[in-house]
Amino acid sequence: MKLITVAGPPSSGKTSVILKLIECMNCDKGSIGVVKFDCLTSFDNLSYEEAGIPVQTGFSGKICPDHYFVSNIEDAVQWGVHSGFEMLITESAGLCNRCSPYIRGILAVCVIDNLSGVNTPRKIGPMLKFADIVVVTKGDIVSQAEREVFAFNIRQVNSAAKVIVVNGITGQGAFILAKYLRQAVEIQSLTDTKLRFTTPAAVCSYCTGETKIGAPYQMGMMKKMEFKNL
């Protein structure tokens, strides 16, 4: 089974891209599955089910989405293997722009949209920097100049990635993306594999449910700002 990891900021068009991508794969119906990792709620499973795509959805709740992803990705792979899928696509929630749900040796796709602002690529960390393929959506809504600056900023952050423009509504560009995804490696398990980058730190008193503000309540891994004249 081939495994593809897809990540990107909220509302960047990940689900639409995946749906158009699967259409272009020309695989037997039900041979590609999707695991959707989200935080609180999601309706994307309805879109997948309507398209006849097997889907599982998991919610991280108050836990960091990356930590939730790492804790469940092997189980997701085993679900895909036991289901007999040719390909499994995971869709991750990238909420803090520091997310890094990519695995060494596993094809990594980052979806970002032109509407987020021309400087957005410089604000996204490992989620963009360590991707193999960067998919840019909603380019038809902005000017040519904005598209060029956006693409330039992507290359400044990740010069090695392939940049593909995909229209999530018409599907334009999805065929090119599908061609690259067919080159993904076959796997049976992810046990003993490693992430490409560390997950965001999430060990502090607030991670475990503390709500009070003030130094006496701040324990664990904390980071403080330095204020001048204070």
C-alpha atoms as a PDB file:
ATOM      1  CA  MET A   1       0.000   0.000   0.000  1.00  0.00           C
ATOM      2  CA  LYS A   2       1.181   3.520  -0.799  1.00  0.00           C
ATOM      3  CA  LEU A   3       0.893   6.182   1.925  1.00  0.00           C
ATOM      4  CA  ILE A   4       0.557   9.909   1.217  1.00  0.00           C
ATOM      5  CA  THR A   5       0.529  12.543   3.971  1.00  0.00           C
ATOM      6  CA  VAL A   6      -1.302  15.787   3.210  1.00  0.00           C
ATOM      7  CA  ALA A   7      -1.130  18.822   5.505  1.00  0.00           C
ATOM      8  CA  GLY A   8      -1.895  22.524   5.326  1.00  0.00           C
ATOM      9  CA  PRO A   9      -3.552  25.432   7.134  1.00  0.00           C
ATOM     10  CA  PRO A  10      -7.321  25.321   7.751  1.00  0.00           C
ATOM     11  CA  SER A  11      -9.535  26.096   4.741  1.00  0.00           C
ATOM     12  CA  SER A  12      -6.629  25.914   2.288  1.00  0.00           C
ATOM     13  CA  GLY A  13      -8.541  23.395   0.183  1.00  0.00           C
ATOM     14  CA  LYS A  14      -6.979  20.086   1.264  1.00  0.00           C
ATOM     15  CA  THR A  15     -10.177  18.044   1.013  1.00  0.00           C
ATOM     16  CA  SER A  16     -11.103  19.469  -2.386  1.00  0.00           C
ATOM     17  CA  VAL A  17      -7.625  18.731  -3.713  1.00  0.00           C
ATOM     18  CA  ILE A  18      -7.741  15.153  -2.405  1.00  0.00           C
ATOM     19  CA  LEU A  19     -11.156  14.548  -3.954  1.00  0.00           C
ATOM     20  CA  LYS A  20     -10.022  15.816  -7.366  1.00  0.00           C
ATOM     21  CA  LEU A  21      -6.775  13.888  -7.007  1.00  0.00           C
ATOM     22  CA  ILE A  22      -8.570  10.585  -6.404  1.00  0.00           C
ATOM     23  CA  GLU A  23     -10.726  11.231  -9.470  1.00  0.00           C
ATOM     24  CA  CYS A  24      -7.551  11.490 -11.557  1.00  0.00           C
ATOM     25  CA  MET A  25      -5.974   8.335 -10.152  1.00  0.00           C
ATOM     26  CA  ASN A  26      -8.301   6.101 -12.223  1.00  0.00           C
ATOM     27  CA  CYS A  27      -8.237   3.409  -9.531  1.00  0.00           C
ATOM     28  CA  ASP A  28     -11.022   0.972  -8.727  1.00  0.00           C
ATOM     29  CA  LYS A  29     -13.728   2.460  -6.534  1.00  0.00           C
ATOM     30  CA  GLY A  30     -12.908   1.927  -2.869  1.00  0.00           C
ATOM     31  CA  SER A  31      -9.238   1.156  -3.494  1.00  0.00           C
ATOM     32  CA  ILE A  32      -8.092   4.485  -2.016  1.00  0.00           C
ATOM     33  CA  GLY A  33      -8.879   5.324   1.601  1.00  0.00           C
ATOM     34  CA  VAL A  34      -8.598   8.545   3.589  1.00  0.00           C
ATOM     35  CA  VAL A  35      -7.900   9.206   7.255  1.00  0.00           C
ATOM     36  CA  LYS A  36      -8.895  12.685   8.357  1.00  0.00           C
ATOM     37  CA  PHE A  37      -7.134  14.055  11.449  1.00  0.00           C
ATOM     38  CA  ASP A  38      -8.857  17.134  12.872  1.00  0.00           C
ATOM     39  CA  CYS A  39      -9.291  18.958  16.171  1.00  0.00           C
ATOM     40  CA  LEU A  40     -12.881  19.544  17.238  1.00  0.00           C
ATOM     41  CA  THR A  41     -15.239  18.780  14.390  1.00  0.00           C
ATOM     42  CA  SER A  42     -15.288  18.063  10.676  1.00  0.00           C
ATOM     43  CA  PHE A  43     -17.786  17.600   7.886  1.00  0.00           C
ATOM     44  CA  ASP A  44     -15.229  16.532   5.290  1.00  0.00           C
ATOM     45  CA  ASN A  45     -16.085  12.879   5.896  1.00  0.00           C
ATOM     46  CA  LEU A  46     -19.459  13.565   4.297  1.00  0.00           C
ATOM     47  CA  SER A  47     -17.737  14.704   1.090  1.00  0.00           C
ATOM     48  CA  TYR A  48     -15.595  11.565   1.023  1.00  0.00           C
ATOM     49  CA  GLU A  49     -18.538   9.284   1.742  1.00  0.00           C
ATOM     50  CA  GLU A  50     -20.594  10.961  -0.986  1.00  0.00           C
ATOM     51  CA  ALA A  51     -17.763  10.236  -3.422  1.00  0.00           C
ATOM     52  CA  GLY A  52     -17.663   6.589  -2.319  1.00  0.00           C
ATOM     53  CA  ILE A  53     -14.259   6.927  -0.632  1.00  0.00           C
ATOM     54  CA  PRO A  54     -13.682   4.901   2.569  1.00  0.00           C
ATOM     55  CA  VAL A  55     -12.842   7.352   5.354  1.00  0.00           C
ATOM     56  CA  GLN A  56     -11.986   7.363   9.045  1.00  0.00           C
ATOM     57  CA  THR A  57     -12.038  10.580  11.122  1.00  0.00           C
ATOM     58  CA  GLY A  58     -10.249  11.299  14.383  1.00  0.00           C
ATOM     59  CA  PHE A  59     -10.381  14.378  16.627  1.00  0.00           C
ATOM     60  CA  SER A  60      -7.444  15.441  18.778  1.00  0.00           C
ATOM     61  CA  GLY A  61      -9.548  17.584  21.120  1.00  0.00           C
ATOM     62  CA  LYS A  62      -7.283  19.397  23.570  1.00  0.00           C
ATOM     63  CA  ILE A  63      -4.202  17.435  22.459  1.00  0.00           C
ATOM     64  CA  CYS A  64      -1.724  18.894  19.936  1.00  0.00           C
ATOM     65  CA  PRO A  65      -2.807  17.670  16.453  1.00  0.00           C
ATOM     66  CA  ASP A  66       0.733  16.511  15.628  1.00  0.00           C
ATOM     67  CA  HIS A  67       1.013  14.460  18.818  1.00  0.00           C
ATOM     68  CA  TYR A  68      -2.377  12.947  18.024  1.00  0.00           C
ATOM     69  CA  PHE A  69      -1.240  12.170  14.476  1.00  0.00           C
ATOM     70  CA  VAL A  70       1.946  10.406  15.608  1.00  0.00           C
ATOM     71  CA  SER A  71       0.008   8.385  18.207  1.00  0.00           C
ATOM     72  CA  ASN A  72      -2.481   7.103  15.639  1.00  0.00           C
ATOM     73  CA  ILE A  73      -0.728   6.952  12.265  1.00  0.00           C
ATOM     74  CA  GLU A  74       0.430   3.317  12.622  1.00  0.00           C
ATOM     75  CA  ASP A  75      -3.130   2.226  13.438  1.00  0.00           C
ATOM     76  CA  ALA A  76      -4.301   4.177  10.385  1.00  0.00           C
ATOM     77  CA  VAL A  77      -1.786   2.346   8.209  1.00  0.00           C
ATOM     78  CA  GLN A  78      -2.906  -1.023   9.539  1.00  0.00           C
ATOM     79  CA  TRP A  79      -6.523  -0.094   8.783  1.00  0.00           C
ATOM     80  CA  GLY A  80      -5.466   0.666   5.218  1.00  0.00           C
ATOM     81  CA  VAL A  81      -3.480  -2.554   4.853  1.00  0.00           C
ATOM     82  CA  HIS A  82      -6.267  -4.728   6.272  1.00  0.00           C
ATOM     83  CA  SER A  83      -8.792  -2.954   4.037  1.00  0.00           C
ATOM     84  CA  GLY A  84      -6.724  -3.864   0.987  1.00  0.00           C
ATOM     85  CA  PHE A  85      -6.261  -0.288  -0.220  1.00  0.00           C
ATOM     86  CA  GLU A  86      -3.848   0.500  -3.025  1.00  0.00           C
ATOM     87  CA  MET A  87      -3.275   3.917  -1.446  1.00  0.00           C
ATOM     88  CA  LEU A  88      -4.022   5.606   1.860  1.00  0.00           C
ATOM     89  CA  ILE A  89      -4.113   9.400   2.138  1.00  0.00           C
ATOM     90  CA  THR A  90      -3.938  11.111   5.522  1.00  0.00           C
ATOM     91  CA  GLU A  91      -5.262  14.653   5.853  1.00  0.00           C
ATOM     92  CA  SER A  92      -3.906  16.542   8.863  1.00  0.00           C
ATOM     93  CA  ALA A  93      -5.025  19.717  10.573  1.00  0.00           C
ATOM     94  CA  GLY A  94      -2.300  22.359  10.563  1.00  0.00           C
ATOM     95  CA  LEU A  95      -3.430  24.892  13.111  1.00  0.00           C
ATOM     96  CA  CYS A  96      -0.311  26.643  14.369  1.00  0.00           C
ATOM     97  CA  ASN A  97       1.902  26.789  11.231  1.00  0.00           C
ATOM     98  CA  ARG A  98       4.476  24.881  13.294  1.00  0.00           C
ATOM     99  CA  CYS A  99       2.884  21.498  12.585  1.00  0.00           C
ATOM    100  CA  SER A 100       5.110  18.826  11.041  1.00  0.00           C
ATOM    101  CA  PRO A 101       3.127  15.665  10.275  1.00  0.00           C
ATOM    102  CA  TYR A 102       5.661  14.269   7.774  1.00  0.00           C
ATOM    103  CA  ILE A 103       7.493  10.957   7.942  1.00  0.00           C
ATOM    104  CA  ARG A 104      10.869  10.084   6.471  1.00  0.00           C
ATOM    105  CA  GLY A 105      10.461   8.105   3.274  1.00  0.00           C
ATOM    106  CA  ILE A 106       6.729   8.884   2.988  1.00  0.00           C
ATOM    107  CA  LEU A 107       5.583  11.331   0.299  1.00  0.00           C
ATOM    108  CA  ALA A 108       4.603  14.640   1.950  1.00  0.00           C
ATOM    109  CA  VAL A 109       2.224  17.190   0.406  1.00  0.00           C
ATOM    110  CA  CYS A 110       1.557  20.687   1.776  1.00  0.00           C
ATOM    111  CA  VAL A 111      -1.531  22.563   0.554  1.00  0.00           C
ATOM    112  CA  ILE A 112      -1.572  26.357   0.904  1.00  0.00           C
ATOM    113  CA  ASP A 113      -3.776  28.944  -0.766  1.00  0.00           C
ATOM    114  CA  ASN A 114      -3.066  32.247  -2.477  1.00  0.00           C
ATOM    115  CA  LEU A 115      -5.773  34.017  -0.471  1.00  0.00           C
ATOM    116  CA  SER A 116      -3.808  33.629   2.765  1.00  0.00           C
ATOM    117  CA  GLY A 117      -1.456  36.487   1.800  1.00  0.00           C
ATOM    118  CA  VAL A 118       1.750  36.704  -0.205  1.00  0.00           C
ATOM    119  CA  ASN A 119       3.961  36.446   2.896  1.00  0.00           C
ATOM    120  CA  THR A 120       2.241  33.367   4.309  1.00  0.00           C
ATOM    121  CA  PRO A 121       4.866  30.889   3.013  1.00  0.00           C
ATOM    122  CA  ARG A 122       7.492  32.644   5.143  1.00  0.00           C
ATOM    123  CA  LYS A 123       5.293  32.236   8.224  1.00  0.00           C
ATOM    124  CA  ILE A 124       4.834  28.480   7.887  1.00  0.00           C
ATOM    125  CA  GLY A 125       7.473  26.260   9.475  1.00  0.00           C
ATOM    126  CA  PRO A 126       8.210  22.528   8.971  1.00  0.00           C
ATOM    127  CA  MET A 127       4.792  21.949   7.434  1.00  0.00           C
ATOM    128  CA  LEU A 128       6.014  23.754   4.320  1.00  0.00           C
ATOM    129  CA  LYS A 129       9.788  23.490   4.620  1.00  0.00           C
ATOM    130  CA  PHE A 130       9.878  19.691   4.739  1.00  0.00           C
ATOM    131  CA  ALA A 131       7.204  18.960   2.115  1.00  0.00           C
ATOM    132  CA  ASP A 132       8.068  17.091  -1.089  1.00  0.00           C
ATOM    133  CA  ILE A 133       5.232  18.733  -3.012  1.00  0.00           C
ATOM    134  CA  VAL A 134       3.596  22.108  -2.394  1.00  0.00           C
ATOM    135  CA  VAL A 135       0.097  22.457  -3.824  1.00  0.00           C
ATOM    136  CA  VAL A 136      -1.113  26.035  -4.306  1.00  0.00           C
ATOM    137  CA  THR A 137      -4.871  26.607  -4.472  1.00  0.00           C
ATOM    138  CA  LYS A 138      -7.235  29.539  -5.164  1.00  0.00           C
ATOM    139  CA  GLY A 139      -4.809  31.133  -7.605  1.00  0.00           C
ATOM    140  CA  ASP A 140      -7.668  32.088  -9.902  1.00  0.00           C
ATOM    141  CA  ILE A 141      -8.909  34.630  -7.336  1.00  0.00           C
ATOM    142  CA  VAL A 142      -5.739  36.747  -7.039  1.00  0.00           C
ATOM    143  CA  SER A 143      -3.676  38.703  -9.559  1.00  0.00           C
ATOM    144  CA  GLN A 144      -0.760  37.343 -11.561  1.00  0.00           C
ATOM    145  CA  ALA A 145       1.643  39.520  -9.578  1.00  0.00           C
ATOM    146  CA  GLU A 146       0.369  38.072  -6.272  1.00  0.00           C
ATOM    147  CA  ARG A 147       0.714  34.533  -7.612  1.00  0.00           C
ATOM    148  CA  GLU A 148       4.322  35.167  -8.652  1.00  0.00           C
ATOM    149  CA  VAL A 149       5.315  36.699  -5.310  1.00  0.00           C
ATOM    150  CA  PHE A 150       3.587  33.840  -3.487  1.00  0.00           C
ATOM    151  CA  ALA A 151       5.469  31.244  -5.559  1.00  0.00           C
ATOM    152  CA  PHE A 152       8.760  33.102  -5.013  1.00  0.00           C
ATOM    153  CA  ASN A 153       8.244  33.016  -1.250  1.00  0.00           C
ATOM    154  CA  ILE A 154       7.522  29.281  -1.398  1.00  0.00           C
ATOM    155  CA  ARG A 155      10.839  28.695  -3.177  1.00  0.00           C
ATOM    156  CA  GLN A 156      12.622  30.829  -0.586  1.00  0.00           C
ATOM    157  CA  VAL A 157      11.373  28.488   2.152  1.00  0.00           C
ATOM    158  CA  ASN A 158      11.568  25.182   0.262  1.00  0.00           C
ATOM    159  CA  SER A 159      13.586  25.273  -2.936  1.00  0.00           C
ATOM    160  CA  ALA A 160      13.570  21.480  -3.351  1.00  0.00           C
ATOM    161  CA  ALA A 161       9.803  20.945  -3.424  1.00  0.00           C
ATOM    162  CA  LYS A 162       7.764  20.593  -6.588  1.00  0.00           C
ATOM    163  CA  VAL A 163       5.184  23.398  -6.731  1.00  0.00           C
ATOM    164  CA  ILE A 164       1.891  22.460  -8.398  1.00  0.00           C
ATOM    165  CA  VAL A 165      -1.087  24.767  -8.885  1.00  0.00           C
ATOM    166  CA  VAL A 166      -4.417  22.966  -8.419  1.00  0.00           C
ATOM    167  CA  ASN A 167      -7.946  24.296  -8.762  1.00  0.00           C
ATOM    168  CA  GLY A 168     -10.049  22.515  -6.155  1.00  0.00           C
ATOM    169  CA  ILE A 169     -13.287  23.311  -8.004  1.00  0.00           C
ATOM    170  CA  THR A 170     -12.415  22.385 -11.599  1.00  0.00           C
ATOM    171  CA  GLY A 171      -9.647  19.922 -10.798  1.00  0.00           C
ATOM    172  CA  GLN A 172      -7.159  21.647 -13.087  1.00  0.00           C
ATOM    173  CA  GLY A 173      -3.650  20.572 -12.102  1.00  0.00           C
ATOM    174  CA  ALA A 174      -4.783  17.456 -10.219  1.00  0.00           C
ATOM    175  CA  PHE A 175      -3.626  15.171 -13.041  1.00  0.00           C
ATOM    176  CA  ILE A 176      -0.051  16.430 -12.645  1.00  0.00           C
ATOM    177  CA  LEU A 177      -0.253  15.904  -8.899  1.00  0.00           C
ATOM    178  CA  ALA A 178      -1.560  12.365  -9.414  1.00  0.00           C
ATOM    179  CA  LYS A 179       1.438  11.568 -11.616  1.00  0.00           C
ATOM    180  CA  TYR A 180       3.851  12.361  -8.794  1.00  0.00           C
ATOM    181  CA  LEU A 181       1.821  10.496  -6.189  1.00  0.00           C
ATOM    182  CA  ARG A 182       2.004   7.285  -8.181  1.00  0.00           C
ATOM    183  CA  GLN A 183       5.744   7.302  -7.443  1.00  0.00           C
ATOM    184  CA  ALA A 184       5.147   6.868  -3.694  1.00  0.00           C
ATOM    185  CA  VAL A 185       6.753   3.827  -2.072  1.00  0.00           C
ATOM    186  CA  GLU A 186       4.882   0.727  -0.894  1.00  0.00           C
ATOM    187  CA  ILE A 187       4.723   0.137   2.867  1.00  0.00           C
ATOM    188  CA  GLN A 188       3.183  -2.355   5.293  1.00  0.00           C
ATOM    189  CA  SER A 189       4.014  -0.601   8.563  1.00  0.00           C
ATOM    190  CA  LEU A 190       5.542   2.583   9.976  1.00  0.00           C
ATOM    191  CA  THR A 191       6.973   1.023  13.121  1.00  0.00           C
ATOM    192  CA  ASP A 192      10.532   2.302  13.781  1.00  0.00           C
ATOM    193  CA  THR A 193      10.282   4.993  11.102  1.00  0.00           C
ATOM    194  CA  LYS A 194      10.939   8.604  12.112  1.00  0.00           C
ATOM    195  CA  LEU A 195       9.319  11.985  11.661  1.00  0.00           C
ATOM    196  CA  ARG A 196      11.136  14.455   9.424  1.00  0.00           C
ATOM    197  CA  PHE A 197      11.032  17.067  12.184  1.00  0.00           C
ATOM    198  CA  THR A 198      10.122  17.197  15.848  1.00  0.00           C
ATOM    199  CA  THR A 199       6.538  17.907  16.832  1.00  0.00           C
ATOM    200  CA  PRO A 200       5.652  21.165  18.651  1.00  0.00           C
ATOM    201  CA  ALA A 201       6.457  21.122  22.372  1.00  0.00           C
ATOM    202  CA  ALA A 202       3.367  20.346  24.418  1.00  0.00           C
ATOM    203  CA  VAL A 203       4.413  19.610  27.981  1.00  0.00           C
ATOM    204  CA  CYS A 204       3.344  22.370  30.344  1.00  0.00           C
ATOM    205  CA  SER A 205       0.739  23.011  33.007  1.00  0.00           C
ATOM    206  CA  TYR A 206      -1.686  24.505  30.479  1.00  0.00           C
ATOM    207  CA  CYS A 207      -1.406  21.375  28.324  1.00  0.00           C
ATOM    208  CA  THR A 208      -2.708  19.351  31.249  1.00  0.00           C
ATOM    209  CA  GLY A 209      -5.707  21.533  32.005  1.00  0.00           C
ATOM    210  CA  GLU A 210      -4.468  24.529  34.033  1.00  0.00           C
ATOM    211  CA  THR A 211      -6.519  27.688  33.430  1.00  0.00           C
ATOM    212  CA  LYS A 212      -5.166  30.169  35.984  1.00  0.00           C
ATOM    213  CA  ILE A 213      -2.822  32.938  34.822  1.00  0.00           C
ATOM    214  CA  GLY A 214       0.383  33.803  36.666  1.00  0.00           C
ATOM    215  CA  ALA A 215       3.913  32.525  37.263  1.00  0.00           C
ATOM    216  CA  PRO A 216       2.958  30.190  40.158  1.00  0.00           C
ATOM    217  CA  TYR A 217       0.765  28.203  37.758  1.00  0.00           C
ATOM    218  CA  GLN A 218       3.250  28.002  34.895  1.00  0.00           C
ATOM    219  CA  MET A 219       5.181  24.749  35.052  1.00  0.00           C
ATOM    220  CA  GLY A 220       6.875  22.514  32.545  1.00  0.00           C
ATOM    221  CA  MET A 221       8.109  23.650  29.149  1.00  0.00           C
ATOM    222  CA  MET A 222       7.419  27.392  29.093  1.00  0.00           C
ATOM    223  CA  LYS A 223       8.869  30.152  26.915  1.00  0.00           C
ATOM    224  CA  LYS A 224       8.841  33.778  28.052  1.00  0.00           C
ATOM    225  CA  MET A 225       9.212  37.008  26.091  1.00  0.00           C
ATOM    226  CA  GLU A 226      11.800  39.644  27.013  1.00  0.00           C
ATOM    227  CA  PHE A 227      10.196  43.071  27.426  1.00  0.00           C
ATOM    228  CA  LYS A 228      12.341  46.185  27.318  1.00  0.00           C
ATOM    229  CA  ASN A 229      12.092  48.680  30.193  1.00  0.00           C
ATOM    230  CA  LEU A 230      10.328  46.160  32.417  1.00  0.00           C
END
